[in-house]
N, C-alpha and C. Protein backbone atom coordinates (compact mmCIF):
# COMPACT_ATOMS: atom_id res chain seq x y z
N MET A 1 6.11 -14.00 -0.04
CA MET A 1 4.90 -13.21 -0.09
C MET A 1 3.80 -14.03 -0.74
N LYS A 2 2.59 -13.88 -0.25
CA LYS A 2 1.45 -14.60 -0.82
C LYS A 2 1.19 -14.15 -2.26
N GLU A 3 0.70 -15.08 -3.07
CA GLU A 3 0.46 -14.79 -4.49
C GLU A 3 -0.52 -13.63 -4.66
N LYS A 4 -1.56 -13.58 -3.84
CA LYS A 4 -2.54 -12.49 -4.01
C LYS A 4 -1.90 -11.14 -3.76
N HIS A 5 -0.94 -11.07 -2.84
CA HIS A 5 -0.24 -9.81 -2.57
C HIS A 5 0.74 -9.48 -3.69
N LYS A 6 1.39 -10.50 -4.24
CA LYS A 6 2.27 -10.28 -5.39
C LYS A 6 1.47 -9.73 -6.57
N ASP A 7 0.27 -10.30 -6.78
CA ASP A 7 -0.59 -9.84 -7.87
C ASP A 7 -0.98 -8.38 -7.70
N ILE A 8 -1.29 -8.00 -6.45
CA ILE A 8 -1.65 -6.60 -6.19
C ILE A 8 -0.48 -5.69 -6.53
N LEU A 9 0.72 -6.05 -6.08
CA LEU A 9 1.89 -5.22 -6.36
C LEU A 9 2.18 -5.15 -7.85
N THR A 10 1.94 -6.25 -8.56
CA THR A 10 2.17 -6.27 -10.01
C THR A 10 1.14 -5.40 -10.73
N LYS A 11 -0.13 -5.60 -10.42
CA LYS A 11 -1.20 -4.86 -11.10
C LYS A 11 -1.19 -3.37 -10.77
N LYS A 12 -0.91 -3.05 -9.54
CA LYS A 12 -0.94 -1.65 -9.09
C LYS A 12 0.43 -0.99 -9.16
N GLY A 13 1.45 -1.73 -9.61
CA GLY A 13 2.81 -1.22 -9.66
C GLY A 13 2.98 0.15 -10.31
N PRO A 14 2.44 0.35 -11.52
CA PRO A 14 2.60 1.67 -12.15
C PRO A 14 1.96 2.81 -11.34
N ASP A 15 0.80 2.56 -10.76
CA ASP A 15 0.16 3.59 -9.94
C ASP A 15 0.96 3.84 -8.66
N LEU A 16 1.43 2.76 -8.05
CA LEU A 16 2.24 2.90 -6.84
C LEU A 16 3.53 3.65 -7.15
N ALA A 17 4.13 3.37 -8.30
CA ALA A 17 5.38 4.03 -8.68
C ALA A 17 5.19 5.53 -8.85
N THR A 18 4.00 5.93 -9.23
CA THR A 18 3.69 7.34 -9.38
C THR A 18 3.39 8.01 -8.04
N ASP A 19 2.71 7.29 -7.15
CA ASP A 19 2.16 7.92 -5.95
C ASP A 19 2.97 7.73 -4.66
N ILE A 20 3.77 6.68 -4.55
CA ILE A 20 4.54 6.48 -3.32
C ILE A 20 5.63 7.54 -3.22
N ASN A 21 5.79 8.08 -2.04
CA ASN A 21 6.79 9.10 -1.77
C ASN A 21 7.95 8.45 -1.01
N LEU A 22 9.13 8.51 -1.58
CA LEU A 22 10.31 7.93 -0.94
C LEU A 22 11.12 8.96 -0.15
N ASP A 23 10.64 10.21 -0.11
CA ASP A 23 11.37 11.26 0.59
C ASP A 23 11.28 11.12 2.11
N GLY A 24 10.31 10.40 2.60
CA GLY A 24 10.13 10.23 4.05
C GLY A 24 10.98 9.09 4.58
N LEU A 25 10.41 8.36 5.51
CA LEU A 25 11.15 7.30 6.19
C LEU A 25 10.68 5.90 5.81
N LEU A 26 10.09 5.76 4.63
CA LEU A 26 9.55 4.45 4.23
C LEU A 26 10.64 3.37 4.21
N LEU A 27 11.73 3.59 3.52
CA LEU A 27 12.77 2.56 3.43
C LEU A 27 13.42 2.27 4.78
N PRO A 28 13.76 3.30 5.58
CA PRO A 28 14.29 2.99 6.91
C PRO A 28 13.30 2.21 7.78
N ARG A 29 12.01 2.50 7.64
CA ARG A 29 11.00 1.74 8.40
C ARG A 29 10.98 0.28 7.96
N LEU A 30 11.06 0.05 6.65
CA LEU A 30 11.07 -1.33 6.15
C LEU A 30 12.33 -2.07 6.60
N LYS A 31 13.44 -1.36 6.68
CA LYS A 31 14.68 -1.97 7.19
C LYS A 31 14.54 -2.29 8.67
N ALA A 32 13.98 -1.37 9.43
CA ALA A 32 13.83 -1.59 10.88
C ALA A 32 12.91 -2.77 11.17
N LYS A 33 11.94 -3.03 10.30
CA LYS A 33 11.00 -4.14 10.49
C LYS A 33 11.56 -5.46 9.94
N GLY A 34 12.77 -5.41 9.37
CA GLY A 34 13.39 -6.62 8.86
C GLY A 34 12.93 -7.02 7.47
N VAL A 35 12.21 -6.15 6.79
CA VAL A 35 11.73 -6.47 5.45
C VAL A 35 12.86 -6.29 4.43
N LEU A 36 13.67 -5.27 4.61
CA LEU A 36 14.79 -5.00 3.72
C LEU A 36 16.11 -5.11 4.48
N THR A 37 17.13 -5.55 3.77
CA THR A 37 18.49 -5.54 4.32
C THR A 37 19.21 -4.30 3.80
N ASP A 38 20.39 -4.02 4.33
CA ASP A 38 21.18 -2.89 3.84
C ASP A 38 21.50 -3.05 2.36
N GLU A 39 21.83 -4.27 1.97
CA GLU A 39 22.16 -4.53 0.57
C GLU A 39 20.95 -4.29 -0.35
N MET A 40 19.78 -4.70 0.11
CA MET A 40 18.56 -4.49 -0.68
C MET A 40 18.29 -3.00 -0.85
N GLU A 41 18.43 -2.25 0.24
CA GLU A 41 18.20 -0.81 0.17
C GLU A 41 19.18 -0.16 -0.80
N GLU A 42 20.45 -0.54 -0.74
CA GLU A 42 21.45 0.01 -1.66
C GLU A 42 21.10 -0.31 -3.11
N SER A 43 20.65 -1.53 -3.35
CA SER A 43 20.27 -1.94 -4.70
C SER A 43 19.07 -1.14 -5.21
N ILE A 44 18.12 -0.91 -4.33
CA ILE A 44 16.91 -0.17 -4.69
C ILE A 44 17.23 1.30 -4.97
N MET A 45 18.12 1.89 -4.18
CA MET A 45 18.37 3.32 -4.24
C MET A 45 19.55 3.71 -5.13
N LYS A 46 19.90 2.90 -6.10
CA LYS A 46 20.99 3.26 -7.01
C LYS A 46 20.71 4.64 -7.60
N PRO A 47 21.71 5.51 -7.59
CA PRO A 47 21.48 6.90 -7.99
C PRO A 47 21.11 7.11 -9.46
N VAL A 48 21.34 6.15 -10.31
CA VAL A 48 21.05 6.33 -11.74
C VAL A 48 19.57 6.10 -12.06
N ARG A 49 18.81 5.66 -11.08
CA ARG A 49 17.40 5.35 -11.34
C ARG A 49 16.50 6.57 -11.15
N ALA A 50 15.46 6.62 -11.96
CA ALA A 50 14.40 7.60 -11.76
C ALA A 50 13.50 7.11 -10.63
N LYS A 51 12.69 8.00 -10.06
CA LYS A 51 11.80 7.64 -8.95
C LYS A 51 10.93 6.44 -9.32
N HIS A 52 10.36 6.46 -10.48
CA HIS A 52 9.48 5.38 -10.93
C HIS A 52 10.24 4.04 -10.91
N GLN A 53 11.45 4.03 -11.45
CA GLN A 53 12.25 2.80 -11.48
C GLN A 53 12.64 2.34 -10.08
N THR A 54 12.91 3.29 -9.20
CA THR A 54 13.29 2.97 -7.83
C THR A 54 12.14 2.27 -7.11
N ILE A 55 10.94 2.78 -7.27
CA ILE A 55 9.78 2.18 -6.60
C ILE A 55 9.46 0.83 -7.21
N MET A 56 9.58 0.69 -8.53
CA MET A 56 9.35 -0.61 -9.16
C MET A 56 10.36 -1.64 -8.66
N LYS A 57 11.60 -1.23 -8.45
CA LYS A 57 12.62 -2.13 -7.90
C LYS A 57 12.26 -2.51 -6.47
N LEU A 58 11.77 -1.57 -5.68
CA LEU A 58 11.32 -1.85 -4.31
C LEU A 58 10.21 -2.90 -4.34
N LEU A 59 9.23 -2.72 -5.22
CA LEU A 59 8.10 -3.66 -5.29
C LEU A 59 8.57 -5.05 -5.71
N GLU A 60 9.49 -5.12 -6.67
CA GLU A 60 10.02 -6.42 -7.10
C GLU A 60 10.78 -7.09 -5.96
N THR A 61 11.53 -6.31 -5.20
CA THR A 61 12.27 -6.86 -4.06
C THR A 61 11.31 -7.39 -3.01
N LEU A 62 10.25 -6.64 -2.74
CA LEU A 62 9.28 -7.06 -1.72
C LEU A 62 8.57 -8.36 -2.10
N LYS A 63 8.35 -8.58 -3.39
CA LYS A 63 7.67 -9.80 -3.84
C LYS A 63 8.46 -11.05 -3.46
N GLY A 64 9.76 -10.92 -3.31
CA GLY A 64 10.60 -12.05 -2.95
C GLY A 64 10.75 -12.26 -1.45
N ARG A 65 10.12 -11.44 -0.66
CA ARG A 65 10.23 -11.54 0.79
C ARG A 65 9.12 -12.44 1.34
N ASP A 66 9.11 -12.63 2.67
CA ASP A 66 8.14 -13.55 3.28
C ASP A 66 6.72 -12.96 3.31
N ASP A 67 5.79 -13.74 3.83
CA ASP A 67 4.38 -13.36 3.83
C ASP A 67 4.08 -12.09 4.62
N LYS A 68 4.91 -11.75 5.57
CA LYS A 68 4.68 -10.56 6.39
C LYS A 68 5.02 -9.27 5.65
N ALA A 69 5.78 -9.37 4.58
CA ALA A 69 6.30 -8.19 3.88
C ALA A 69 5.19 -7.26 3.40
N PHE A 70 4.11 -7.81 2.88
CA PHE A 70 3.02 -6.98 2.36
C PHE A 70 2.38 -6.17 3.48
N ASP A 71 2.05 -6.83 4.58
CA ASP A 71 1.43 -6.13 5.70
C ASP A 71 2.38 -5.11 6.31
N LEU A 72 3.67 -5.45 6.35
CA LEU A 72 4.65 -4.50 6.90
C LEU A 72 4.86 -3.32 5.96
N LEU A 73 4.73 -3.53 4.65
CA LEU A 73 4.76 -2.42 3.70
C LEU A 73 3.59 -1.48 3.98
N CYS A 74 2.40 -2.06 4.13
CA CYS A 74 1.21 -1.26 4.41
C CYS A 74 1.37 -0.48 5.71
N GLU A 75 1.84 -1.15 6.73
CA GLU A 75 2.06 -0.52 8.03
C GLU A 75 3.09 0.62 7.92
N SER A 76 4.16 0.38 7.20
CA SER A 76 5.21 1.39 7.04
C SER A 76 4.71 2.59 6.25
N LEU A 77 3.91 2.35 5.22
CA LEU A 77 3.32 3.45 4.46
C LEU A 77 2.42 4.31 5.36
N GLU A 78 1.61 3.66 6.18
CA GLU A 78 0.73 4.39 7.09
C GLU A 78 1.54 5.22 8.08
N GLU A 79 2.59 4.62 8.64
CA GLU A 79 3.44 5.34 9.60
C GLU A 79 4.16 6.50 8.94
N ASP A 80 4.39 6.41 7.64
CA ASP A 80 5.09 7.45 6.90
C ASP A 80 4.12 8.52 6.37
N GLY A 81 2.86 8.45 6.79
CA GLY A 81 1.89 9.45 6.35
C GLY A 81 1.32 9.19 4.97
N GLN A 82 1.42 7.95 4.48
CA GLN A 82 0.93 7.61 3.15
C GLN A 82 -0.22 6.60 3.24
N LYS A 83 -1.09 6.82 4.20
CA LYS A 83 -2.23 5.93 4.42
C LYS A 83 -3.13 5.85 3.18
N ASN A 84 -3.20 6.94 2.45
CA ASN A 84 -4.03 6.97 1.24
C ASN A 84 -3.57 5.94 0.21
N ILE A 85 -2.28 5.66 0.15
CA ILE A 85 -1.76 4.64 -0.79
C ILE A 85 -2.30 3.27 -0.41
N VAL A 86 -2.32 2.98 0.89
CA VAL A 86 -2.81 1.69 1.37
C VAL A 86 -4.29 1.56 1.05
N GLY A 87 -5.08 2.58 1.38
CA GLY A 87 -6.53 2.52 1.16
C GLY A 87 -6.93 2.52 -0.29
N THR A 88 -6.15 3.16 -1.12
CA THR A 88 -6.50 3.26 -2.54
C THR A 88 -6.03 2.06 -3.35
N TYR A 89 -4.80 1.60 -3.11
CA TYR A 89 -4.22 0.57 -3.97
C TYR A 89 -4.04 -0.79 -3.32
N LEU A 90 -3.60 -0.82 -2.08
CA LEU A 90 -3.18 -2.09 -1.49
C LEU A 90 -4.28 -2.82 -0.74
N LYS A 91 -5.07 -2.08 0.03
CA LYS A 91 -6.16 -2.70 0.80
C LYS A 91 -7.42 -1.86 0.67
N PRO A 92 -7.95 -1.73 -0.55
CA PRO A 92 -9.18 -0.94 -0.70
C PRO A 92 -10.32 -1.60 0.04
N THR A 93 -11.08 -0.80 0.74
CA THR A 93 -12.15 -1.35 1.58
C THR A 93 -13.45 -1.54 0.83
N GLY A 94 -13.60 -0.94 -0.34
CA GLY A 94 -14.85 -1.11 -1.09
C GLY A 94 -16.00 -0.44 -0.40
N PHE A 95 -16.74 -1.19 0.38
CA PHE A 95 -17.79 -0.57 1.17
C PHE A 95 -17.90 -1.28 2.50
N SER A 96 -18.45 -0.60 3.46
CA SER A 96 -18.68 -1.19 4.77
C SER A 96 -20.08 -0.84 5.21
N MET A 97 -20.61 -1.61 6.13
CA MET A 97 -21.97 -1.36 6.60
C MET A 97 -21.97 -1.29 8.11
N SER A 98 -22.69 -0.33 8.64
CA SER A 98 -22.85 -0.23 10.08
C SER A 98 -24.32 0.00 10.37
N GLN A 99 -24.78 -0.48 11.50
CA GLN A 99 -26.19 -0.33 11.84
C GLN A 99 -26.36 0.66 12.96
N SER A 100 -27.38 1.47 12.85
CA SER A 100 -27.67 2.44 13.88
C SER A 100 -29.15 2.79 13.83
N LYS A 101 -29.87 2.54 14.92
CA LYS A 101 -31.29 2.88 15.06
C LYS A 101 -32.13 2.35 13.90
N GLY A 102 -31.96 1.09 13.57
CA GLY A 102 -32.80 0.48 12.55
C GLY A 102 -32.44 0.85 11.13
N LYS A 103 -31.42 1.63 10.96
CA LYS A 103 -30.99 2.00 9.61
C LYS A 103 -29.59 1.48 9.39
N ARG A 104 -29.33 1.15 8.19
CA ARG A 104 -28.01 0.67 7.83
C ARG A 104 -27.34 1.75 6.98
N THR A 105 -26.11 2.07 7.31
CA THR A 105 -25.36 3.04 6.52
C THR A 105 -24.40 2.27 5.63
N ARG A 106 -24.49 2.54 4.41
CA ARG A 106 -23.63 1.86 3.45
C ARG A 106 -22.64 2.88 2.91
N LYS A 107 -21.37 2.51 2.94
CA LYS A 107 -20.33 3.37 2.40
C LYS A 107 -19.69 2.63 1.24
N ARG A 108 -19.49 3.34 0.18
CA ARG A 108 -18.77 2.73 -0.93
C ARG A 108 -17.90 3.79 -1.58
N ARG A 109 -16.92 3.32 -2.24
CA ARG A 109 -15.97 4.21 -2.87
C ARG A 109 -16.31 4.37 -4.34
N HIS A 110 -16.33 5.59 -4.80
CA HIS A 110 -16.57 5.86 -6.20
C HIS A 110 -15.62 6.97 -6.64
N CYS A 111 -14.73 6.65 -7.55
CA CYS A 111 -13.75 7.62 -8.04
C CYS A 111 -12.96 8.25 -6.89
N GLY A 112 -12.63 7.46 -5.89
CA GLY A 112 -11.83 7.95 -4.79
C GLY A 112 -12.60 8.71 -3.73
N ILE A 113 -13.93 8.77 -3.86
CA ILE A 113 -14.75 9.52 -2.91
C ILE A 113 -15.69 8.55 -2.21
N TRP A 114 -15.79 8.69 -0.88
CA TRP A 114 -16.71 7.85 -0.11
C TRP A 114 -18.11 8.40 -0.26
N ILE A 115 -19.05 7.52 -0.56
CA ILE A 115 -20.45 7.90 -0.71
C ILE A 115 -21.23 7.15 0.34
N LYS A 116 -22.06 7.86 1.10
CA LYS A 116 -22.87 7.23 2.13
C LYS A 116 -24.33 7.24 1.68
N SER A 117 -25.00 6.15 1.95
CA SER A 117 -26.45 6.11 1.68
C SER A 117 -27.10 5.36 2.82
N ARG A 118 -28.30 5.71 3.18
CA ARG A 118 -29.02 5.06 4.28
C ARG A 118 -30.16 4.26 3.69
N GLU A 119 -30.38 3.12 4.32
CA GLU A 119 -31.52 2.30 3.91
C GLU A 119 -32.17 1.73 5.16
N ASN A 120 -33.48 1.60 5.13
CA ASN A 120 -34.20 1.03 6.27
C ASN A 120 -33.96 -0.46 6.37
N VAL A 121 -33.89 -0.95 7.60
CA VAL A 121 -33.67 -2.37 7.83
C VAL A 121 -34.99 -3.03 8.11
């Protein structure tokens, strides 16, 4: 995994551990994409762990995988209905600009809310 992606998982780990939902198909999706092996899944899902510890173990395991692991994690989260996790923690978009009829629309994120403002070009 690329260093910048490892840093994101490290810095956002506590938030991800709180917000990621493992009740869906996230782990099976990661296995199907070749990111996790059966042994890795068993190690991650040890029954004595709390949810927070389980997700932290998942993140640590992913850091040791190849460069595709981060993008496949994001893809799997989106497929599992957890797109908000990707947009909030893993690939925040910050702001984007689009042009329409001589005006530029600027979108930026503030406290988790998208704010739009128009400015003349």
